[in-house]
Amino acid sequence: MAIIKPNNNTLSAITGLPAGVGGKVLQVVQGTTGTQVEGTFASETDLGLSVNITPSSSSNKILITAGLGGCGSRDTSTYWFLRLKKGTADTAITAFYIGYQHPSSGSETYPNLNYLDSSAGSTSQITYKLVGLRNSGSANCYFCHSGNTNQPISTLTAIEIEA
């Protein structure tokens, strides 16, 4: 039987994956809050949930994940969005819808967010944050509402992935 020598190397000489494979997790950072934010959200409202990450390469990807607790509104006609923003210029990069969830019904929603920022574009610190914005109705909206349970904790996690 012939011995296979990848790239003309013995197996003991191979110390890593070939160049260009990427996909390694390089760092993970997380921001958390348990502070309730309630208001009209008539304009973008900072929800107090952010995370800072400093990529090691501008071509690396950043995976943003969020686990959010106690989101909803105070009546059946008020709906709002959560918007993920990036950088000091507060560039909106994605948004997702929060439907009506009235706290007295005990049906707050606990949405999750997954977003892949396909290029960090920088080796300087990048801030990702969440803001809320009402799109219909006039009642107050809330974030991290405790309802009849313990105060929920919301998390925003940034994971740097090698390109």
Protein backbone atom coordinates (compact mmCIF):
# COMPACT_ATOMS: atom_id res chain seq x y z
CA MET A 1 0.00 0.00 0.00
CA ALA A 2 1.35 3.43 -0.93
CA ILE A 3 1.83 6.12 1.70
CA ILE A 4 -0.10 9.29 0.83
CA LYS A 5 1.93 12.45 1.35
CA PRO A 6 -0.30 15.58 1.25
CA ASN A 7 1.62 18.39 -0.48
CA ASN A 8 4.67 16.14 -0.45
CA ASN A 9 4.82 16.23 3.41
CA THR A 10 4.75 13.37 5.84
CA LEU A 11 1.77 13.32 8.17
CA SER A 12 3.92 14.35 11.12
CA ALA A 13 5.03 17.51 9.25
CA ILE A 14 1.44 18.80 8.90
CA THR A 15 0.71 21.20 11.76
CA GLY A 16 -2.50 22.94 10.72
CA LEU A 17 -5.20 23.41 8.15
CA PRO A 18 -4.30 24.66 4.69
CA ALA A 19 -4.36 28.43 4.15
CA GLY A 20 -7.73 29.92 3.30
CA VAL A 21 -9.82 27.46 5.28
CA GLY A 22 -10.77 29.96 8.05
CA GLY A 23 -13.79 29.54 10.23
CA LYS A 24 -11.97 29.47 13.55
CA VAL A 25 -13.59 31.27 16.47
CA LEU A 26 -11.04 33.88 17.55
CA GLN A 27 -12.86 35.65 20.40
CA VAL A 28 -16.23 35.91 22.09
CA VAL A 29 -17.46 38.97 24.00
CA GLN A 30 -20.85 39.54 25.59
CA GLY A 31 -22.88 42.45 26.89
CA THR A 32 -25.81 41.96 29.28
CA THR A 33 -28.59 43.98 30.84
CA GLY A 34 -31.46 43.31 33.18
CA THR A 35 -32.64 46.92 33.25
CA GLN A 36 -36.21 47.48 32.10
CA VAL A 37 -36.68 50.16 29.43
CA GLU A 38 -40.21 51.40 28.81
CA GLY A 39 -41.41 54.29 26.69
CA THR A 40 -43.19 55.35 23.54
CA PHE A 41 -40.24 54.35 21.29
CA ALA A 42 -41.61 57.01 18.88
CA SER A 43 -37.99 57.64 17.88
CA GLU A 44 -35.11 55.21 18.18
CA THR A 45 -34.67 54.37 21.85
CA ASP A 46 -31.38 53.00 23.15
CA LEU A 47 -32.15 49.81 25.07
CA GLY A 48 -28.91 49.81 27.06
CA LEU A 49 -27.65 46.61 25.46
CA SER A 50 -24.37 46.80 23.57
CA VAL A 51 -21.15 44.90 23.03
CA ASN A 52 -17.66 46.04 21.96
CA ILE A 53 -15.27 43.87 19.96
CA THR A 54 -11.87 44.61 18.42
CA PRO A 55 -11.33 42.33 15.40
CA SER A 56 -7.83 40.99 14.74
CA SER A 57 -8.34 41.36 10.96
CA SER A 58 -10.61 43.65 8.95
CA SER A 59 -11.64 40.73 6.73
CA ASN A 60 -12.89 38.57 9.60
CA LYS A 61 -16.61 38.01 10.15
CA ILE A 62 -18.52 38.96 13.29
CA LEU A 63 -21.47 36.79 14.33
CA ILE A 64 -23.92 38.69 16.51
CA THR A 65 -26.38 36.73 18.63
CA ALA A 66 -28.90 38.03 21.12
CA GLY A 67 -31.18 36.42 23.67
CA LEU A 68 -33.73 39.00 24.74
CA GLY A 69 -36.26 38.93 27.53
CA GLY A 70 -39.62 40.48 28.27
CA CYS A 71 -40.37 42.42 25.07
CA GLY A 72 -43.85 43.72 24.25
CA SER A 73 -46.28 46.64 24.28
CA ARG A 74 -49.09 47.95 26.46
CA ASP A 75 -51.98 47.46 24.01
CA THR A 76 -53.03 45.31 21.08
CA SER A 77 -52.45 48.02 18.44
CA THR A 78 -48.85 48.93 19.28
CA TYR A 79 -46.03 47.12 17.47
CA TRP A 80 -42.32 47.84 17.38
CA PHE A 81 -38.96 46.78 15.96
CA LEU A 82 -35.60 45.99 17.47
CA ARG A 83 -32.80 47.36 15.30
CA LEU A 84 -29.17 46.24 15.45
CA LYS A 85 -26.73 49.11 14.88
CA LYS A 86 -23.00 49.11 14.25
CA GLY A 87 -20.20 51.58 14.92
CA THR A 88 -19.97 55.16 16.07
CA ALA A 89 -22.07 56.30 13.11
CA ASP A 90 -24.90 54.06 14.39
CA THR A 91 -25.34 52.36 11.02
CA ALA A 92 -28.48 50.19 11.05
CA ILE A 93 -27.55 46.74 9.81
CA THR A 94 -30.70 44.72 10.47
CA ALA A 95 -34.07 44.94 12.19
CA PHE A 96 -36.59 42.45 13.44
CA TYR A 97 -40.22 42.80 14.38
CA ILE A 98 -41.69 42.55 17.88
CA GLY A 99 -45.40 41.91 17.73
CA TYR A 100 -47.93 42.82 20.37
CA GLN A 101 -47.40 41.08 23.67
CA HIS A 102 -49.41 42.53 26.54
CA PRO A 103 -47.77 42.03 29.96
CA SER A 104 -51.03 41.36 31.83
CA SER A 105 -51.64 38.35 29.60
CA GLY A 106 -48.32 36.89 30.71
CA SER A 107 -47.23 36.49 27.11
CA GLU A 108 -44.11 38.61 26.78
CA THR A 109 -41.94 37.51 23.93
CA TYR A 110 -38.33 36.40 24.29
CA PRO A 111 -36.90 36.84 20.79
CA ASN A 112 -33.51 35.68 19.57
CA LEU A 113 -31.36 37.38 16.96
CA ASN A 114 -28.60 35.92 14.81
CA TYR A 115 -26.79 38.17 12.33
CA LEU A 116 -23.53 37.57 10.46
CA ASP A 117 -21.62 40.77 9.71
CA SER A 118 -19.70 39.36 6.74
CA SER A 119 -16.76 41.73 7.07
CA ALA A 120 -15.57 43.44 10.23
CA GLY A 121 -14.09 46.16 7.99
CA SER A 122 -11.81 47.36 10.79
CA THR A 123 -9.21 46.37 13.34
CA SER A 124 -10.45 49.13 15.65
CA GLN A 125 -13.07 48.56 18.32
CA ILE A 126 -16.57 48.10 16.90
CA THR A 127 -19.71 48.67 18.97
CA TYR A 128 -22.91 46.79 18.22
CA LYS A 129 -26.07 47.89 20.03
CA LEU A 130 -29.83 47.43 20.03
CA VAL A 131 -32.41 50.19 19.75
CA GLY A 132 -36.21 50.01 19.78
CA LEU A 133 -38.54 51.86 17.40
CA ARG A 134 -42.35 51.80 17.41
CA ASN A 135 -43.97 51.42 13.99
CA SER A 136 -47.68 51.52 14.86
CA GLY A 137 -49.98 52.40 17.74
CA SER A 138 -49.32 54.83 20.55
CA ALA A 139 -49.01 52.81 23.77
CA ASN A 140 -45.75 52.31 25.61
CA CYS A 141 -43.40 49.53 24.55
CA TYR A 142 -41.09 47.70 26.93
CA PHE A 143 -37.84 45.77 26.97
CA CYS A 144 -36.68 43.49 29.83
CA HIS A 145 -40.11 43.61 31.46
CA SER A 146 -40.33 41.26 34.42
CA GLY A 147 -44.08 40.63 34.35
CA ASN A 148 -44.91 38.12 37.06
CA THR A 149 -41.55 36.38 36.88
CA ASN A 150 -37.96 37.15 37.84
CA GLN A 151 -36.27 40.01 36.03
CA PRO A 152 -35.11 38.71 32.63
CA ILE A 153 -31.53 39.17 31.50
CA SER A 154 -30.89 40.11 27.89
CA THR A 155 -27.57 39.33 26.20
CA LEU A 156 -25.81 40.55 23.06
CA THR A 157 -22.84 38.41 22.01
CA ALA A 158 -20.20 39.16 19.35
CA ILE A 159 -18.13 36.26 18.01
CA GLU A 160 -15.13 36.95 15.75
CA ILE A 161 -14.70 34.27 13.08
CA GLU A 162 -11.54 34.01 11.01
CA ALA A 163 -12.09 34.70 7.30
